[in-house]
Protein backbone atom coordinates (compact mmCIF):
# COMPACT_ATOMS: atom_id res chain seq x y z
CA MET A 1 177.73 134.92 54.32
CA THR A 2 181.46 135.37 53.66
CA THR A 3 182.39 137.59 50.69
CA ILE A 4 185.38 136.40 48.67
CA SER A 5 187.56 139.16 47.38
CA ALA A 6 188.29 139.39 43.66
CA ALA A 7 192.00 138.81 44.39
CA VAL A 8 191.35 135.20 45.42
CA PRO A 9 191.66 132.74 42.51
CA THR A 10 188.45 131.15 41.36
CA VAL A 11 190.12 127.70 41.36
CA MET A 12 191.02 126.74 44.91
CA GLN A 13 194.49 125.14 45.36
CA PRO A 14 194.97 122.10 47.63
CA VAL A 15 196.03 122.95 51.15
CA PRO A 16 199.39 121.40 52.15
CA PRO A 17 199.00 118.70 54.86
CA SER A 18 201.38 120.62 57.12
CA LEU A 19 198.88 123.44 57.32
CA LEU A 20 195.88 121.31 58.17
CA VAL A 21 194.55 121.80 61.72
CA PRO A 22 192.48 119.03 63.33
CA THR A 23 188.83 120.01 63.49
CA ALA A 24 188.69 119.45 67.25
CA ALA A 25 191.38 122.04 67.78
CA VAL A 26 189.23 124.82 66.31
CA PRO A 27 186.76 125.96 68.95
CA PRO A 28 183.24 126.56 67.68
CA ALA A 29 182.19 130.18 67.44
CA ALA A 30 180.39 131.29 70.56
CA SER A 31 176.70 131.91 70.05
CA PRO A 32 175.76 135.49 70.79
CA ALA A 33 173.93 135.97 74.04
CA PRO A 34 170.21 136.29 73.49
CA THR A 35 169.09 139.87 73.54
CA ASP A 36 165.75 141.53 73.93
CA SER A 37 165.69 145.04 72.59
CA PHE A 38 162.53 145.68 74.62
CA LEU A 39 164.09 144.76 77.97
CA PRO A 40 165.54 147.85 79.69
CA ALA A 41 168.66 147.73 81.81
CA ILE A 42 167.78 147.10 85.44
CA PRO A 43 169.05 149.93 87.68
CA PRO A 44 170.83 149.09 90.93
CA THR A 45 168.86 148.42 94.10
CA ALA A 46 167.68 151.64 95.72
CA ARG A 47 166.98 151.87 99.45
CA PRO A 48 165.55 154.39 101.92
CA GLY A 49 168.11 157.09 102.55
CA ASP A 50 169.69 156.85 99.08
CA THR A 51 170.04 159.92 96.88
CA GLY A 52 170.96 160.57 93.29
CA PRO A 53 169.90 159.89 89.68
CA ALA A 54 168.74 156.31 90.37
CA VAL A 55 166.26 157.63 92.95
CA VAL A 56 165.06 160.28 90.48
CA GLN A 57 164.47 157.50 87.93
CA LEU A 58 162.60 155.49 90.56
CA GLN A 59 160.37 158.43 91.50
CA GLN A 60 159.64 159.15 87.84
CA ALA A 61 158.71 155.52 87.18
CA LEU A 62 156.43 155.46 90.22
CA ALA A 63 154.82 158.75 89.17
CA ALA A 64 154.21 157.43 85.65
CA LYS A 65 152.23 154.54 87.11
CA GLY A 66 150.31 156.75 89.51
CA TYR A 67 152.03 155.82 92.78
CA TYR A 68 154.15 158.89 93.50
CA GLN A 69 153.30 162.56 93.83
CA GLY A 70 155.53 165.48 94.59
CA ASN A 71 159.00 166.55 93.56
CA THR A 72 161.30 164.04 91.89
CA ASP A 73 164.13 165.30 94.07
CA GLY A 74 166.33 162.19 94.11
CA LYS A 75 165.86 161.70 97.85
CA TYR A 76 164.62 158.30 98.99
CA GLY A 77 162.49 159.61 101.86
CA PRO A 78 159.20 158.56 103.48
CA ARG A 79 157.05 159.53 100.47
CA THR A 80 159.17 157.40 98.13
CA VAL A 81 159.19 154.50 100.59
CA ALA A 82 155.38 154.66 100.83
CA ALA A 83 155.02 154.76 97.04
CA VAL A 84 157.37 151.81 96.53
CA SER A 85 155.57 149.80 99.22
CA ALA A 86 152.17 150.53 97.65
CA PHE A 87 153.42 149.49 94.21
CA GLN A 88 154.96 146.30 95.58
CA LEU A 89 151.83 145.34 97.49
CA ALA A 90 149.60 145.91 94.46
CA ASN A 91 151.88 143.86 92.21
CA GLY A 92 152.40 140.78 94.38
CA LEU A 93 155.88 141.71 95.59
CA LYS A 94 157.30 141.83 99.10
CA ALA A 95 156.24 145.25 100.41
CA ASP A 96 159.52 146.22 102.07
CA GLY A 97 159.90 149.66 100.48
CA VAL A 98 163.23 148.68 98.84
CA ALA A 99 163.46 148.92 95.05
CA GLY A 100 165.31 145.74 94.14
CA ALA A 101 165.55 143.91 90.81
CA GLN A 102 162.01 142.48 90.90
CA THR A 103 160.49 145.86 91.77
CA TRP A 104 162.46 147.58 89.02
CA MET A 105 161.42 144.96 86.45
CA ALA A 106 157.77 145.42 87.38
CA LEU A 107 158.10 149.20 87.27
CA LEU A 108 159.80 149.21 83.88
CA ALA A 109 157.45 146.67 82.33
CA THR A 110 155.23 147.94 79.55
CA SER A 111 152.30 145.74 80.56
CA PRO A 112 149.59 147.25 82.78
CA VAL A 113 150.03 147.03 86.54
CA VAL A 114 147.53 147.02 89.36
CA VAL A 115 146.89 150.37 90.99
CA PRO A 116 146.47 150.62 94.76
CA SER A 117 142.98 150.71 96.22
CA PRO A 118 143.54 153.74 98.49
CA PRO A 119 144.63 157.08 97.07
CA VAL A 120 148.34 157.20 96.43
CA ASP A 121 148.93 159.67 99.21
CA VAL A 122 147.85 157.02 101.73
CA PRO A 123 150.93 154.98 102.70
CA VAL A 124 151.20 151.25 103.13
CA VAL A 125 152.27 150.31 106.63
CA THR A 126 154.20 147.07 106.87
CA PRO A 127 153.00 144.41 109.35
CA THR A 128 156.26 144.77 111.31
CA ALA A 129 155.61 148.41 112.26
CA ARG A 130 156.88 149.10 115.78
CA THR A 131 154.78 150.42 118.63
CA LEU A 132 154.99 154.19 118.53
CA ARG A 133 154.82 156.49 121.56
CA LEU A 134 155.08 160.15 122.45
CA ASN A 135 158.37 161.74 121.28
CA ASP A 136 159.18 158.94 118.78
CA THR A 137 160.39 160.05 115.35
CA GLY A 138 160.93 158.41 111.99
CA ALA A 139 159.40 157.33 108.69
CA ASP A 140 156.88 155.08 110.44
CA VAL A 141 155.61 158.12 112.37
CA VAL A 142 155.08 159.84 109.02
CA GLU A 143 153.07 156.82 107.85
CA LEU A 144 151.00 156.87 111.02
CA GLN A 145 150.27 160.58 110.68
CA ARG A 146 149.24 160.24 107.06
CA LEU A 147 146.86 157.37 107.85
CA LEU A 148 145.33 159.40 110.67
CA ALA A 149 144.98 162.38 108.33
CA TYR A 150 143.37 160.21 105.65
CA LEU A 151 140.77 159.06 108.18
CA GLY A 152 140.18 162.62 109.34
CA TYR A 153 141.80 162.50 112.78
CA LEU A 154 144.83 164.71 112.13
CA SER A 155 145.50 167.84 110.13
CA GLY A 156 148.69 169.62 109.20
CA THR A 157 152.01 168.31 107.92
CA ALA A 158 153.15 164.74 108.50
CA ASP A 159 156.50 165.71 110.03
CA GLY A 160 157.55 162.36 111.50
CA LYS A 161 157.42 163.64 115.09
CA TYR A 162 155.10 161.87 117.54
CA GLY A 163 154.05 164.97 119.44
CA PRO A 164 150.99 165.76 121.57
CA ALA A 165 148.76 166.37 118.52
CA THR A 166 149.59 162.97 117.05
CA GLN A 167 149.09 161.31 120.43
CA ALA A 168 145.67 162.98 120.80
CA ALA A 169 144.69 161.86 117.29
CA VAL A 170 145.69 158.28 118.11
CA ARG A 171 143.64 158.37 121.31
CA GLU A 172 140.58 159.64 119.44
CA PHE A 173 141.00 157.00 116.75
CA GLN A 174 141.37 154.27 119.35
CA ALA A 175 138.29 155.40 121.27
CA ARG A 176 136.11 155.52 118.16
CA ASN A 177 137.31 152.12 117.02
CA GLY A 178 136.84 150.23 120.28
CA LEU A 179 140.52 150.03 121.19
CA GLY A 180 142.26 150.86 124.45
CA ALA A 181 142.75 154.63 124.22
CA ASP A 182 146.30 154.89 125.57
CA GLY A 183 147.67 157.10 122.77
CA ASN A 184 150.29 154.54 121.74
CA ALA A 185 150.20 153.03 118.25
CA GLY A 186 150.66 149.33 118.87
CA PRO A 187 149.87 146.26 116.70
CA ASN A 188 146.09 146.48 117.17
CA THR A 189 146.04 150.19 116.35
CA TRP A 190 148.15 149.65 113.21
CA ALA A 191 145.92 146.79 112.09
CA THR A 192 142.75 148.82 112.58
CA LEU A 193 144.22 151.84 110.79
CA ARG A 194 144.88 149.63 107.76
CA SER A 195 141.51 147.93 107.91
CA PRO A 196 138.72 148.87 105.46
CA ASN A 197 136.45 148.82 108.51
CA ALA A 198 138.27 151.68 110.25
CA VAL A 199 135.80 154.27 111.56
CA ARG A 200 136.43 157.76 110.22
CA ALA A 201 136.55 160.84 112.40
CA GLY A 202 133.20 162.59 112.59
CA SER A 203 131.32 159.64 111.10
CA SER A 204 128.33 157.98 112.68
CA GLY A 205 130.34 154.83 113.15
CA GLY A 206 130.37 153.48 109.61
CA PRO A 207 133.63 152.30 108.08
CA ALA A 208 135.70 154.38 105.73
CA GLY A 209 135.49 151.46 103.29
CA PRO A 210 137.85 150.56 100.48
CA VAL A 211 137.58 152.20 97.09
CA HIS A 212 137.08 150.21 93.92
CA ALA A 213 137.19 150.86 90.20
CA ALA A 214 133.88 152.22 88.94
CA HIS A 215 132.31 153.72 85.81
CA GLY A 216 135.46 153.24 83.77
CA PHE A 217 137.77 154.85 86.34
CA SER A 218 140.44 153.11 88.40
CA ALA A 219 140.32 152.60 92.15
CA GLN A 220 143.03 155.24 92.42
CA GLN A 221 140.85 157.78 90.62
CA VAL A 222 137.82 156.93 92.75
CA GLY A 223 140.14 157.54 95.70
CA TYR A 224 140.81 161.00 94.33
CA VAL A 225 137.06 161.61 94.30
CA ARG A 226 136.86 160.61 97.96
CA VAL A 227 139.50 163.21 98.83
CA MET A 228 137.62 165.86 96.82
CA VAL A 229 134.29 165.06 98.45
CA ARG A 230 135.74 165.37 101.94
CA ALA A 231 137.40 168.71 101.16
CA ALA A 232 134.33 170.13 99.38
CA ARG A 233 131.99 169.32 102.23
CA ALA A 234 134.40 170.84 104.73
CA ALA A 235 134.35 174.01 102.61
CA GLY A 236 130.57 173.99 102.33
CA VAL A 237 130.38 173.65 98.54
CA PRO A 238 128.71 170.89 96.47
CA PRO A 239 131.18 168.04 95.91
CA GLU A 240 129.91 167.73 92.33
CA LEU A 241 131.55 171.09 91.63
CA VAL A 242 135.04 169.80 92.37
CA VAL A 243 134.57 166.49 90.59
CA ILE A 244 133.15 167.95 87.36
CA THR A 245 136.12 170.29 87.20
CA ALA A 246 138.67 167.49 87.47
CA LEU A 247 136.69 165.41 84.99
CA VAL A 248 136.76 168.15 82.37
CA GLU A 249 140.36 169.20 82.96
CA THR A 250 142.07 165.78 83.12
CA ARG A 251 139.48 162.99 83.33
CA LEU A 252 140.62 162.52 86.94
CA ARG A 253 144.27 161.99 86.02
CA ASN A 254 146.85 163.64 88.25
CA VAL A 255 149.20 164.45 85.39
CA ASN A 256 152.54 166.22 85.53
CA PHE A 257 152.04 167.93 82.17
CA GLY A 258 149.50 170.14 80.42
CA ASP A 259 149.01 173.33 78.44
CA ARG A 260 152.07 175.53 79.01
CA ASP A 261 152.87 175.15 82.75
CA SER A 262 149.53 173.61 83.79
CA ILE A 263 149.74 170.37 85.80
CA GLY A 264 147.71 168.26 88.22
CA LEU A 265 144.07 167.23 88.41
CA PHE A 266 142.84 170.79 87.91
CA GLN A 267 145.55 171.89 85.43
CA GLN A 268 146.64 174.68 87.74
CA ARG A 269 149.42 176.95 86.47
CA ASN A 270 152.61 178.01 88.25
CA ALA A 271 151.01 181.04 89.86
CA TRP A 272 148.58 178.84 91.78
CA GLY A 273 151.28 177.18 93.86
CA SER A 274 154.39 175.03 93.89
CA ARG A 275 154.73 172.05 91.60
CA ALA A 276 154.57 169.72 94.60
CA ASP A 277 151.33 171.31 95.83
CA ARG A 278 149.69 171.21 92.41
CA LEU A 279 150.51 167.49 92.14
CA ASP A 280 149.25 166.79 95.66
CA VAL A 281 145.60 165.72 95.39
CA GLU A 282 144.49 167.22 98.68
CA LYS A 283 146.44 170.46 98.35
CA SER A 284 145.39 171.06 94.75
CA THR A 285 141.77 170.46 95.76
CA ARG A 286 142.12 173.01 98.54
CA MET A 287 143.59 175.51 96.09
CA PHE A 288 140.61 175.01 93.78
CA LEU A 289 138.33 175.63 96.77
CA TYR A 290 140.14 178.47 98.54
CA GLY A 291 142.24 180.05 95.80
CA GLY A 292 145.82 180.15 94.54
CA LYS A 293 148.98 181.56 96.08
CA ALA A 294 148.92 184.60 93.77
CA GLY A 295 145.41 185.60 94.80
CA GLN A 296 143.40 183.61 92.25
CA PRO A 297 139.82 183.24 93.55
CA GLY A 298 138.68 179.78 94.58
CA ALA A 299 135.22 178.23 94.54
CA VAL A 300 134.44 179.34 98.10
CA LYS A 301 134.51 182.97 96.98
CA TYR A 302 131.45 182.35 94.82
CA LYS A 303 129.30 180.65 97.47
CA GLY A 304 125.83 182.14 97.34
CA ARG A 305 126.26 183.31 93.77
CA TYR A 306 125.64 179.91 92.17
CA GLY A 307 123.27 177.03 92.96
CA SER A 308 123.39 173.25 92.58
CA SER A 309 121.63 172.78 89.24
CA ASP A 310 123.72 171.33 86.44
CA ARG A 311 123.91 174.70 84.68
CA GLN A 312 124.77 176.58 87.87
CA LEU A 313 127.49 174.09 88.83
CA GLY A 314 128.99 174.46 85.36
CA GLU A 315 129.03 178.23 85.64
CA TRP A 316 130.56 177.99 89.10
CA ALA A 317 133.39 175.80 87.80
CA GLN A 318 133.93 178.21 84.92
CA ALA A 319 134.20 181.13 87.34
CA VAL A 320 137.23 179.45 88.92
CA GLN A 321 138.83 177.83 85.87
CA ARG A 322 138.06 180.46 83.20
CA SER A 323 138.08 177.82 80.50
CA ALA A 324 137.81 178.46 76.76
CA PHE A 325 134.98 175.89 76.76
CA PRO A 326 132.67 176.99 79.59
CA ARG A 327 129.74 174.70 78.77
CA ARG A 328 131.66 171.44 79.19
CA TYR A 329 131.44 171.33 82.97
CA GLU A 330 127.67 170.99 83.30
CA LYS A 331 127.72 167.94 81.02
CA GLU A 332 129.70 165.95 83.61
CA VAL A 333 127.39 166.42 86.61
CA GLY A 334 125.63 163.07 86.15
CA LEU A 335 128.90 161.13 85.99
CA ALA A 336 130.27 163.11 88.94
CA ARG A 337 127.31 162.03 91.10
CA LYS A 338 127.86 158.39 90.18
CA LEU A 339 131.53 158.63 91.10
CA ILE A 340 130.73 160.36 94.38
CA ALA A 341 128.39 157.49 95.24
CA ALA A 342 131.09 154.97 94.28
CA ALA A 343 133.56 156.77 96.56
CA GLY A 344 131.23 156.41 99.52
CA GLY A 345 129.09 159.48 99.04
């Protein structure tokens, strides 16, 4: 509404014809572009090898939705590529590992998104993966190594170098899965690695199997339980012990915040290890089992002191965590057993 100043006479004077302008000569006012205050600005496309604030924003967005773990260092490396690919695959996008406009819009959306079926530290390998051989290097070698590690065929750091250990792991995987054991990761090996029917190392021949949402927890969280169960059994402690601890501390959420400097599934503080390690599901589980970097005792130290009853498991967890609420752990044993069964036992 236009406000007329008090200086303008209340009786309007006729306008001289010489000052009249044809209506057609006055362009209509442009309508303002529609805006949506809830629609965030879309960052530029980010690609493998990029660095900088846009990559930090990408890593933070992926972490917020449960797809990225580790340092938000602004480096678009293999871990970021794997997280982007997993997010794209789960949300019906082309899984090329490049964060374009559609990927950004899905990441920045406030509506829920689908979480990946495997744990987030298991990469998505694209169908166009090349055949890998001894002495090859690259991001796809990292993906191969992490898949082999997830299935129990390889230990250590995924360094992107196809050395003798990786070749031996591929041969073992191929032999156990009925493939030609030549040590080269070709199309059939890639396909079998990605299959829910892949046979795990040390198993009796049964498939690793996909993980699914169960008992009110997402498939991603059930995947965390699978990682915990594998690590606990390797350490010779009841898997319920690890799961009840994560249930009490974070309800199986791998969070990057907590009381003071506590983060991760087990709410481990700075003295336990690096931020990256505490946010890494497998490494944080191992710290809970074997102890922290500053000498904190892990669960293995108390083997033989506690049993497998609900009360004993709760006391065992308390011995490691030293919680202000020591009786909470034993109350989660029943749920922990259900989740362990859902994760494949």
